[in-house]
């Protein structure tokens, strides 16, 4: 019986990335090893090192895919908006999409912002991160002009990103709901706070509390 031909290299790389995603979801970033990823992907133990160099290289590729998925989620949210929506409403929609992504993919979201686990200067990762933040920057620029940091990212975009990111972390850990006295499964809390922030930026009065 003839020996089956090995899978083409692009397929091996994709299989490794898929396996790494599964390992991340099941065991968290700290539990990922190259051997476990190779075993799950059904390839040789040398394959991850061949394709990614080391563990950090593999996690960097996973994180870059995460930023691409985040960009897609933000872009989809922007495309669903009506042209009549105000700039503040558009920014709020992107903020809700960001929070929703982070809460749906907690392990991946955590990895994406762990530079100690990644190769932070990797060109693919850097470009993917900039694309994601660029969607927020464009929306923030429509709300109000803002000075830019040395990176070129407007201050308002950084503030909006920091708010949305902080809401993900606080909601994920339960601290936000505990502080608000709300049930831990109340997904509307962080999403509603995004709207409060966007209304404040637009100069609108805060909504009355029920």
Protein backbone atom coordinates (compact mmCIF):
# COMPACT_ATOMS: atom_id res chain seq x y z
CA UNK A 1 0.00 0.00 0.00
CA UNK A 2 1.42 3.38 -0.96
CA UNK A 3 2.21 5.99 1.67
CA UNK A 4 -0.15 9.00 1.48
CA UNK A 5 1.45 12.22 0.36
CA UNK A 6 1.95 14.86 3.08
CA UNK A 7 -0.46 17.77 3.07
CA UNK A 8 0.71 20.88 1.20
CA UNK A 9 2.46 23.39 3.40
CA UNK A 10 -0.32 26.02 3.34
CA UNK A 11 -2.77 23.37 4.56
CA UNK A 12 -0.41 22.34 7.36
CA UNK A 13 -0.09 25.97 8.46
CA UNK A 14 -3.85 26.43 8.48
CA UNK A 15 -4.31 23.18 10.36
CA UNK A 16 -1.85 24.35 13.00
CA UNK A 17 -3.60 27.71 13.37
CA UNK A 18 -6.97 25.99 13.71
CA UNK A 19 -5.56 23.61 16.30
CA UNK A 20 -3.99 26.51 18.19
CA UNK A 21 -7.35 28.29 18.27
CA UNK A 22 -8.99 25.18 19.70
CA UNK A 23 -6.25 24.76 22.31
CA UNK A 24 -6.62 28.42 23.25
CA UNK A 25 -10.36 28.10 23.78
CA UNK A 26 -10.03 24.90 25.80
CA UNK A 27 -6.92 25.64 27.86
CA UNK A 28 -6.23 29.38 27.67
CA UNK A 29 -3.03 30.98 26.43
CA UNK A 30 -0.94 29.59 29.29
CA UNK A 31 -1.92 26.03 28.39
CA UNK A 32 -0.81 26.13 24.75
CA UNK A 33 2.25 24.08 23.80
CA UNK A 34 3.69 23.39 20.36
CA UNK A 35 3.50 19.64 20.92
CA UNK A 36 -0.17 19.79 21.90
CA UNK A 37 -0.99 21.92 18.87
CA UNK A 38 0.88 19.56 16.55
CA UNK A 39 -0.86 16.55 18.06
CA UNK A 40 -4.30 18.12 17.64
CA UNK A 41 -3.49 19.12 14.05
CA UNK A 42 -2.27 15.60 13.27
CA UNK A 43 1.16 16.71 12.05
CA UNK A 44 4.73 16.12 13.16
CA UNK A 45 6.01 17.75 16.33
CA UNK A 46 8.50 19.68 14.20
CA UNK A 47 5.81 21.31 12.06
CA UNK A 48 4.93 24.24 14.38
CA UNK A 49 8.57 25.27 14.68
CA UNK A 50 9.03 24.97 10.93
CA UNK A 51 6.08 27.22 10.15
CA UNK A 52 6.17 29.67 13.07
CA UNK A 53 9.66 29.49 14.57
CA UNK A 54 8.61 29.18 18.19
CA UNK A 55 5.62 29.31 20.49
CA UNK A 56 5.56 33.10 20.38
CA UNK A 57 5.47 33.02 16.60
CA UNK A 58 2.49 30.68 16.60
CA UNK A 59 0.60 32.77 19.15
CA UNK A 60 1.44 35.91 17.17
CA UNK A 61 -0.15 34.42 14.06
CA UNK A 62 -3.24 33.48 16.09
CA UNK A 63 -3.44 37.00 17.51
CA UNK A 64 -3.10 38.54 14.03
CA UNK A 65 -6.04 36.42 12.87
CA UNK A 66 -7.92 37.66 15.92
CA UNK A 67 -7.39 41.28 14.92
CA UNK A 68 -8.53 40.48 11.39
CA UNK A 69 -11.71 38.94 12.84
CA UNK A 70 -12.20 42.02 15.01
CA UNK A 71 -11.81 44.28 11.98
CA UNK A 72 -14.41 42.22 10.14
CA UNK A 73 -16.83 42.53 13.08
CA UNK A 74 -16.34 46.30 13.28
CA UNK A 75 -16.65 46.74 9.53
CA UNK A 76 -19.84 44.67 9.47
CA UNK A 77 -21.32 46.81 12.24
CA UNK A 78 -20.45 49.98 10.31
CA UNK A 79 -22.00 48.66 7.10
CA UNK A 80 -25.28 47.88 8.84
CA UNK A 81 -25.77 51.49 9.93
CA UNK A 82 -28.16 53.85 8.21
CA UNK A 83 -26.72 56.89 6.49
CA UNK A 84 -28.97 59.04 8.65
CA UNK A 85 -27.26 57.85 11.82
CA UNK A 86 -25.20 60.48 13.60
CA UNK A 87 -21.42 60.14 13.90
CA UNK A 88 -21.84 59.50 17.63
CA UNK A 89 -24.32 56.72 16.91
CA UNK A 90 -21.90 55.16 14.45
CA UNK A 91 -19.08 55.25 16.99
CA UNK A 92 -21.39 53.71 19.59
CA UNK A 93 -22.27 50.88 17.20
CA UNK A 94 -18.59 50.15 16.70
CA UNK A 95 -18.04 50.22 20.44
CA UNK A 96 -20.82 47.70 20.96
CA UNK A 97 -19.36 45.50 18.22
CA UNK A 98 -15.97 45.66 19.93
CA UNK A 99 -17.43 44.73 23.32
CA UNK A 100 -19.50 41.96 21.77
CA UNK A 101 -16.45 40.49 20.05
CA UNK A 102 -14.44 40.54 23.26
CA UNK A 103 -17.16 38.84 25.28
CA UNK A 104 -17.77 36.18 22.62
CA UNK A 105 -14.08 35.32 22.28
CA UNK A 106 -12.56 35.89 25.73
CA UNK A 107 -9.48 33.68 25.35
CA UNK A 108 -8.58 35.05 21.92
CA UNK A 109 -9.27 38.62 23.04
CA UNK A 110 -7.00 38.14 26.04
CA UNK A 111 -4.17 36.79 23.85
CA UNK A 112 -4.43 39.64 21.34
CA UNK A 113 -3.41 42.15 24.01
CA UNK A 114 -0.64 40.16 25.71
CA UNK A 115 2.60 41.50 24.14
CA UNK A 116 4.73 39.41 26.50
CA UNK A 117 3.30 36.27 24.86
CA UNK A 118 3.73 37.56 21.29
CA UNK A 119 6.29 38.98 18.92
CA UNK A 120 4.92 42.54 19.25
CA UNK A 121 6.96 43.95 16.35
CA UNK A 122 5.79 41.29 13.88
CA UNK A 123 4.77 43.09 10.69
CA UNK A 124 1.62 41.03 10.11
CA UNK A 125 0.44 41.50 13.69
CA UNK A 126 1.19 45.23 13.62
CA UNK A 127 -0.72 45.72 10.36
CA UNK A 128 -3.71 43.71 11.61
CA UNK A 129 -3.84 45.69 14.86
CA UNK A 130 -3.68 49.00 12.98
CA UNK A 131 -6.52 47.99 10.68
CA UNK A 132 -8.76 47.24 13.64
CA UNK A 133 -7.94 50.47 15.43
CA UNK A 134 -8.20 52.33 12.13
CA UNK A 135 -11.91 51.54 11.91
CA UNK A 136 -12.43 53.15 15.32
CA UNK A 137 -10.19 56.08 14.38
CA UNK A 138 -12.23 56.85 11.28
CA UNK A 139 -15.47 56.82 13.28
CA UNK A 140 -13.98 58.98 16.05
CA UNK A 141 -12.77 61.52 13.51
CA UNK A 142 -16.36 62.03 12.38
CA UNK A 143 -17.47 62.84 15.92
CA UNK A 144 -14.90 65.50 16.73
CA UNK A 145 -11.42 66.59 15.67
CA UNK A 146 -8.75 65.27 17.98
CA UNK A 147 -5.01 65.61 18.35
CA UNK A 148 -3.04 62.56 17.32
CA UNK A 149 -0.55 60.61 19.37
CA UNK A 150 2.92 59.95 17.87
CA UNK A 151 1.48 56.74 16.41
CA UNK A 152 -0.93 58.87 14.38
CA UNK A 153 -3.97 57.59 16.25
CA UNK A 154 -6.32 60.39 17.42
CA UNK A 155 -6.73 60.85 21.16
CA UNK A 156 -10.49 60.40 20.89
CA UNK A 157 -10.05 57.06 19.16
CA UNK A 158 -7.66 55.93 21.88
CA UNK A 159 -10.11 57.03 24.57
CA UNK A 160 -12.99 55.25 22.84
CA UNK A 161 -10.91 52.10 22.43
CA UNK A 162 -9.79 52.22 26.07
CA UNK A 163 -13.39 52.52 27.22
CA UNK A 164 -14.64 49.62 25.10
CA UNK A 165 -11.67 47.45 26.02
CA UNK A 166 -12.04 48.21 29.72
CA UNK A 167 -15.73 47.32 29.59
CA UNK A 168 -14.85 43.93 28.10
CA UNK A 169 -12.34 43.18 30.85
CA UNK A 170 -14.53 44.43 33.69
CA UNK A 171 -17.60 42.62 32.39
CA UNK A 172 -15.68 39.41 31.75
CA UNK A 173 -14.29 39.41 35.29
CA UNK A 174 -17.64 40.31 36.88
CA UNK A 175 -16.34 43.52 38.44
CA UNK A 176 -18.54 45.77 36.30
CA UNK A 177 -21.74 43.98 37.22
CA UNK A 178 -20.82 43.78 40.89
CA UNK A 179 -20.18 47.53 40.98
CA UNK A 180 -23.48 48.23 39.25
CA UNK A 181 -25.43 45.75 41.35
CA UNK A 182 -26.56 43.91 38.24
CA UNK A 183 -26.72 40.16 37.50
CA UNK A 184 -23.54 38.74 35.99
CA UNK A 185 -25.43 37.52 32.92
CA UNK A 186 -26.74 41.02 32.10
CA UNK A 187 -25.01 41.52 28.74
CA UNK A 188 -26.85 44.80 28.25
CA UNK A 189 -24.85 46.59 30.94
CA UNK A 190 -21.54 47.10 29.06
CA UNK A 191 -23.37 47.71 25.79
CA UNK A 192 -25.58 50.36 27.41
CA UNK A 193 -22.57 52.15 28.86
CA UNK A 194 -21.17 52.51 25.36
CA UNK A 195 -24.29 54.47 24.47
CA UNK A 196 -23.93 56.67 27.56
CA UNK A 197 -20.40 57.56 26.51
CA UNK A 198 -21.32 58.34 22.90
CA UNK A 199 -24.26 60.50 24.00
CA UNK A 200 -21.98 62.43 26.34
CA UNK A 201 -19.54 63.08 23.49
CA UNK A 202 -22.40 64.28 21.33
CA UNK A 203 -23.56 66.63 24.07
CA UNK A 204 -26.80 64.78 24.73
CA UNK A 205 -28.31 64.58 28.18
CA UNK A 206 -27.82 61.21 29.86
CA UNK A 207 -30.89 58.96 29.77
CA UNK A 208 -33.11 58.97 32.85
CA UNK A 209 -32.61 56.01 35.12
CA UNK A 210 -35.61 53.66 35.33
